[in-house]
Amino acid sequence: MFLLFVAGLVLTIIGYVYLSQVIADRRGLLWGLSIFVIPPIAAVYSVAYWKNARPALLAVCAGIIVTVLSVVAGAWPDVISRLES
């Protein structure tokens, strides 16, 4: 279960970085970097430019779903024990 949790987090991070790259390509480097400082900008951009942001947003959503399902399936105690050691 721990590996499923980590895979979900990695997929979420990859999707978010990909979204910042999409924003940087379409709107400029300042826009791409600003989503790391002000995360709601990513949500606003994703809604406004759904066609461009769809693949990255789907990767983020898939990563969140995998992470949540791994926690529901019982990965959380394993995650805590690995972080404490």
N, C-alpha and C. Protein backbone atom coordinates (compact mmCIF):
# COMPACT_ATOMS: atom_id res chain seq x y z
N MET A 1 0.81 -1.21 0.00
CA MET A 1 0.00 0.00 0.00
C MET A 1 0.85 1.27 0.00
N PHE A 2 2.01 1.19 0.62
CA PHE A 2 2.87 2.36 0.67
C PHE A 2 3.30 2.77 -0.73
N LEU A 3 3.62 1.81 -1.57
CA LEU A 3 4.03 2.12 -2.94
C LEU A 3 2.89 2.75 -3.74
N LEU A 4 1.67 2.32 -3.48
CA LEU A 4 0.52 2.93 -4.15
C LEU A 4 0.35 4.38 -3.71
N PHE A 5 0.57 4.64 -2.44
CA PHE A 5 0.50 6.00 -1.92
C PHE A 5 1.56 6.88 -2.58
N VAL A 6 2.78 6.37 -2.65
CA VAL A 6 3.88 7.13 -3.26
C VAL A 6 3.61 7.34 -4.75
N ALA A 7 3.09 6.32 -5.42
CA ALA A 7 2.79 6.45 -6.85
C ALA A 7 1.74 7.54 -7.08
N GLY A 8 0.75 7.62 -6.21
CA GLY A 8 -0.26 8.66 -6.33
C GLY A 8 0.33 10.04 -6.14
N LEU A 9 1.21 10.18 -5.16
CA LEU A 9 1.86 11.48 -4.93
C LEU A 9 2.74 11.87 -6.11
N VAL A 10 3.49 10.91 -6.63
CA VAL A 10 4.37 11.20 -7.77
C VAL A 10 3.54 11.61 -8.99
N LEU A 11 2.45 10.91 -9.23
CA LEU A 11 1.59 11.26 -10.37
C LEU A 11 0.99 12.65 -10.20
N THR A 12 0.60 13.00 -9.00
CA THR A 12 0.08 14.33 -8.73
C THR A 12 1.14 15.40 -8.98
N ILE A 13 2.34 15.17 -8.51
CA ILE A 13 3.42 16.14 -8.70
C ILE A 13 3.78 16.28 -10.17
N ILE A 14 3.86 15.16 -10.88
CA ILE A 14 4.17 15.21 -12.31
C ILE A 14 3.10 15.98 -13.07
N GLY A 15 1.84 15.74 -12.74
CA GLY A 15 0.75 16.47 -13.39
C GLY A 15 0.80 17.96 -13.10
N TYR A 16 1.14 18.32 -11.87
CA TYR A 16 1.21 19.73 -11.50
C TYR A 16 2.37 20.43 -12.19
N VAL A 17 3.52 19.74 -12.27
CA VAL A 17 4.67 20.32 -12.98
C VAL A 17 4.34 20.44 -14.46
N TYR A 18 3.67 19.43 -15.02
CA TYR A 18 3.28 19.49 -16.43
C TYR A 18 2.30 20.64 -16.66
N LEU A 19 1.39 20.86 -15.73
CA LEU A 19 0.45 21.97 -15.84
C LEU A 19 1.21 23.30 -15.83
N SER A 20 2.21 23.43 -14.97
CA SER A 20 2.98 24.67 -14.95
C SER A 20 3.74 24.87 -16.25
N GLN A 21 4.20 23.78 -16.85
CA GLN A 21 4.89 23.88 -18.14
C GLN A 21 3.92 24.29 -19.24
N VAL A 22 2.70 23.75 -19.21
CA VAL A 22 1.68 24.14 -20.19
C VAL A 22 1.36 25.62 -20.05
N ILE A 23 1.19 26.07 -18.82
CA ILE A 23 0.88 27.48 -18.58
C ILE A 23 2.06 28.35 -19.03
N ALA A 24 3.27 27.92 -18.72
CA ALA A 24 4.44 28.71 -19.10
C ALA A 24 4.56 28.80 -20.62
N ASP A 25 4.27 27.72 -21.33
CA ASP A 25 4.34 27.74 -22.79
C ASP A 25 3.26 28.64 -23.40
N ARG A 26 2.07 28.60 -22.84
CA ARG A 26 0.95 29.34 -23.42
C ARG A 26 0.90 30.81 -23.00
N ARG A 27 1.26 31.08 -21.75
CA ARG A 27 1.09 32.43 -21.21
C ARG A 27 2.38 33.13 -20.84
N GLY A 28 3.47 32.40 -20.72
CA GLY A 28 4.74 33.02 -20.35
C GLY A 28 5.32 32.38 -19.10
N LEU A 29 6.60 32.58 -18.93
CA LEU A 29 7.31 31.97 -17.81
C LEU A 29 6.78 32.47 -16.46
N LEU A 30 6.43 33.73 -16.38
CA LEU A 30 5.92 34.26 -15.11
C LEU A 30 4.63 33.57 -14.68
N TRP A 31 3.75 33.29 -15.63
CA TRP A 31 2.53 32.55 -15.32
C TRP A 31 2.85 31.14 -14.84
N GLY A 32 3.79 30.49 -15.53
CA GLY A 32 4.15 29.12 -15.16
C GLY A 32 4.75 29.03 -13.77
N LEU A 33 5.57 29.99 -13.40
CA LEU A 33 6.16 29.98 -12.07
C LEU A 33 5.19 30.45 -10.99
N SER A 34 4.24 31.27 -11.37
CA SER A 34 3.32 31.82 -10.37
C SER A 34 2.39 30.77 -9.78
N ILE A 35 2.14 29.66 -10.48
CA ILE A 35 1.24 28.67 -9.88
C ILE A 35 1.89 27.96 -8.70
N PHE A 36 3.21 28.00 -8.61
CA PHE A 36 3.85 27.42 -7.44
C PHE A 36 3.74 28.35 -6.23
N VAL A 37 3.64 29.64 -6.47
CA VAL A 37 3.52 30.61 -5.39
C VAL A 37 2.05 30.81 -5.00
N ILE A 38 1.18 30.84 -6.01
CA ILE A 38 -0.25 31.07 -5.79
C ILE A 38 -1.02 29.93 -6.48
N PRO A 39 -1.20 28.79 -5.80
CA PRO A 39 -1.82 27.63 -6.44
C PRO A 39 -3.23 27.85 -7.02
N PRO A 40 -4.07 28.74 -6.49
CA PRO A 40 -5.38 28.93 -7.12
C PRO A 40 -5.29 29.41 -8.57
N ILE A 41 -4.17 29.97 -8.96
CA ILE A 41 -4.00 30.38 -10.35
C ILE A 41 -4.10 29.17 -11.28
N ALA A 42 -3.60 28.03 -10.83
CA ALA A 42 -3.68 26.81 -11.63
C ALA A 42 -5.12 26.41 -11.86
N ALA A 43 -5.95 26.53 -10.83
CA ALA A 43 -7.36 26.18 -10.98
C ALA A 43 -8.07 27.14 -11.93
N VAL A 44 -7.78 28.42 -11.79
CA VAL A 44 -8.40 29.42 -12.67
C VAL A 44 -7.98 29.18 -14.12
N TYR A 45 -6.70 28.93 -14.33
CA TYR A 45 -6.21 28.68 -15.69
C TYR A 45 -6.84 27.40 -16.25
N SER A 46 -6.94 26.37 -15.42
CA SER A 46 -7.49 25.10 -15.89
C SER A 46 -8.94 25.24 -16.32
N VAL A 47 -9.69 26.05 -15.63
CA VAL A 47 -11.09 26.27 -16.00
C VAL A 47 -11.18 27.15 -17.25
N ALA A 48 -10.37 28.18 -17.30
CA ALA A 48 -10.44 29.12 -18.42
C ALA A 48 -9.91 28.51 -19.72
N TYR A 49 -8.89 27.68 -19.61
CA TYR A 49 -8.26 27.09 -20.79
C TYR A 49 -8.27 25.57 -20.69
N TRP A 50 -9.45 25.02 -20.54
CA TRP A 50 -9.64 23.59 -20.32
C TRP A 50 -8.99 22.75 -21.41
N LYS A 51 -9.11 23.18 -22.65
CA LYS A 51 -8.58 22.39 -23.76
C LYS A 51 -7.06 22.22 -23.66
N ASN A 52 -6.36 23.24 -23.25
CA ASN A 52 -4.90 23.16 -23.12
C ASN A 52 -4.47 22.44 -21.85
N ALA A 53 -5.21 22.61 -20.78
CA ALA A 53 -4.80 22.10 -19.47
C ALA A 53 -5.35 20.72 -19.16
N ARG A 54 -6.21 20.18 -20.00
CA ARG A 54 -6.89 18.92 -19.70
C ARG A 54 -5.95 17.76 -19.39
N PRO A 55 -4.92 17.46 -20.20
CA PRO A 55 -4.07 16.31 -19.87
C PRO A 55 -3.36 16.44 -18.52
N ALA A 56 -2.86 17.62 -18.24
CA ALA A 56 -2.17 17.82 -16.97
C ALA A 56 -3.14 17.74 -15.81
N LEU A 57 -4.31 18.32 -15.96
CA LEU A 57 -5.30 18.28 -14.90
C LEU A 57 -5.81 16.87 -14.65
N LEU A 58 -5.96 16.09 -15.70
CA LEU A 58 -6.37 14.69 -15.53
C LEU A 58 -5.30 13.88 -14.80
N ALA A 59 -4.03 14.18 -15.05
CA ALA A 59 -2.95 13.50 -14.32
C ALA A 59 -2.97 13.87 -12.84
N VAL A 60 -3.22 15.13 -12.55
CA VAL A 60 -3.32 15.56 -11.15
C VAL A 60 -4.50 14.87 -10.47
N CYS A 61 -5.64 14.85 -11.12
CA CYS A 61 -6.82 14.21 -10.54
C CYS A 61 -6.62 12.71 -10.34
N ALA A 62 -5.99 12.05 -11.31
CA ALA A 62 -5.71 10.62 -11.17
C ALA A 62 -4.77 10.36 -10.00
N GLY A 63 -3.77 11.20 -9.84
CA GLY A 63 -2.85 11.05 -8.72
C GLY A 63 -3.54 11.24 -7.38
N ILE A 64 -4.42 12.21 -7.30
CA ILE A 64 -5.16 12.44 -6.06
C ILE A 64 -6.07 11.26 -5.75
N ILE A 65 -6.72 10.73 -6.76
CA ILE A 65 -7.61 9.57 -6.57
C ILE A 65 -6.81 8.36 -6.09
N VAL A 66 -5.67 8.10 -6.71
CA VAL A 66 -4.84 6.96 -6.29
C VAL A 66 -4.36 7.14 -4.85
N THR A 67 -3.95 8.35 -4.50
CA THR A 67 -3.49 8.62 -3.14
C THR A 67 -4.61 8.42 -2.13
N VAL A 68 -5.78 8.95 -2.40
CA VAL A 68 -6.91 8.81 -1.48
C VAL A 68 -7.33 7.34 -1.36
N LEU A 69 -7.37 6.62 -2.47
CA LEU A 69 -7.75 5.21 -2.41
C LEU A 69 -6.74 4.39 -1.61
N SER A 70 -5.46 4.72 -1.72
CA SER A 70 -4.46 3.99 -0.95
C SER A 70 -4.62 4.27 0.55
N VAL A 71 -4.97 5.49 0.90
CA VAL A 71 -5.20 5.82 2.31
C VAL A 71 -6.44 5.10 2.83
N VAL A 72 -7.49 5.08 2.03
CA VAL A 72 -8.72 4.38 2.43
C VAL A 72 -8.46 2.88 2.57
N ALA A 73 -7.58 2.35 1.72
CA ALA A 73 -7.28 0.91 1.76
C ALA A 73 -6.34 0.54 2.90
N GLY A 74 -5.82 1.52 3.61
CA GLY A 74 -5.02 1.22 4.79
C GLY A 74 -3.55 1.55 4.69
N ALA A 75 -3.17 2.41 3.79
CA ALA A 75 -1.75 2.74 3.64
C ALA A 75 -1.27 3.75 4.68
N TRP A 76 -2.17 4.47 5.31
CA TRP A 76 -1.76 5.56 6.18
C TRP A 76 -0.89 5.10 7.35
N PRO A 77 -1.23 4.05 8.09
CA PRO A 77 -0.33 3.62 9.18
C PRO A 77 1.06 3.24 8.69
N ASP A 78 1.14 2.64 7.50
CA ASP A 78 2.43 2.28 6.93
C ASP A 78 3.23 3.54 6.56
N VAL A 79 2.55 4.55 6.04
CA VAL A 79 3.20 5.81 5.68
C VAL A 79 3.76 6.47 6.94
N ILE A 80 2.97 6.52 8.00
CA ILE A 80 3.40 7.14 9.26
C ILE A 80 4.59 6.39 9.85
N SER A 81 4.53 5.06 9.84
CA SER A 81 5.65 4.30 10.41
C SER A 81 6.93 4.50 9.61
N ARG A 82 6.83 4.61 8.30
CA ARG A 82 8.03 4.84 7.48
C ARG A 82 8.58 6.25 7.67
N LEU A 83 7.71 7.22 7.90
CA LEU A 83 8.17 8.58 8.14
C LEU A 83 8.83 8.72 9.51
N GLU A 84 8.36 7.98 10.49
CA GLU A 84 8.93 8.05 11.84
C GLU A 84 10.28 7.38 11.93
N SER A 85 10.53 6.40 11.09
CA SER A 85 11.81 5.68 11.19
C SER A 85 12.91 6.30 10.36
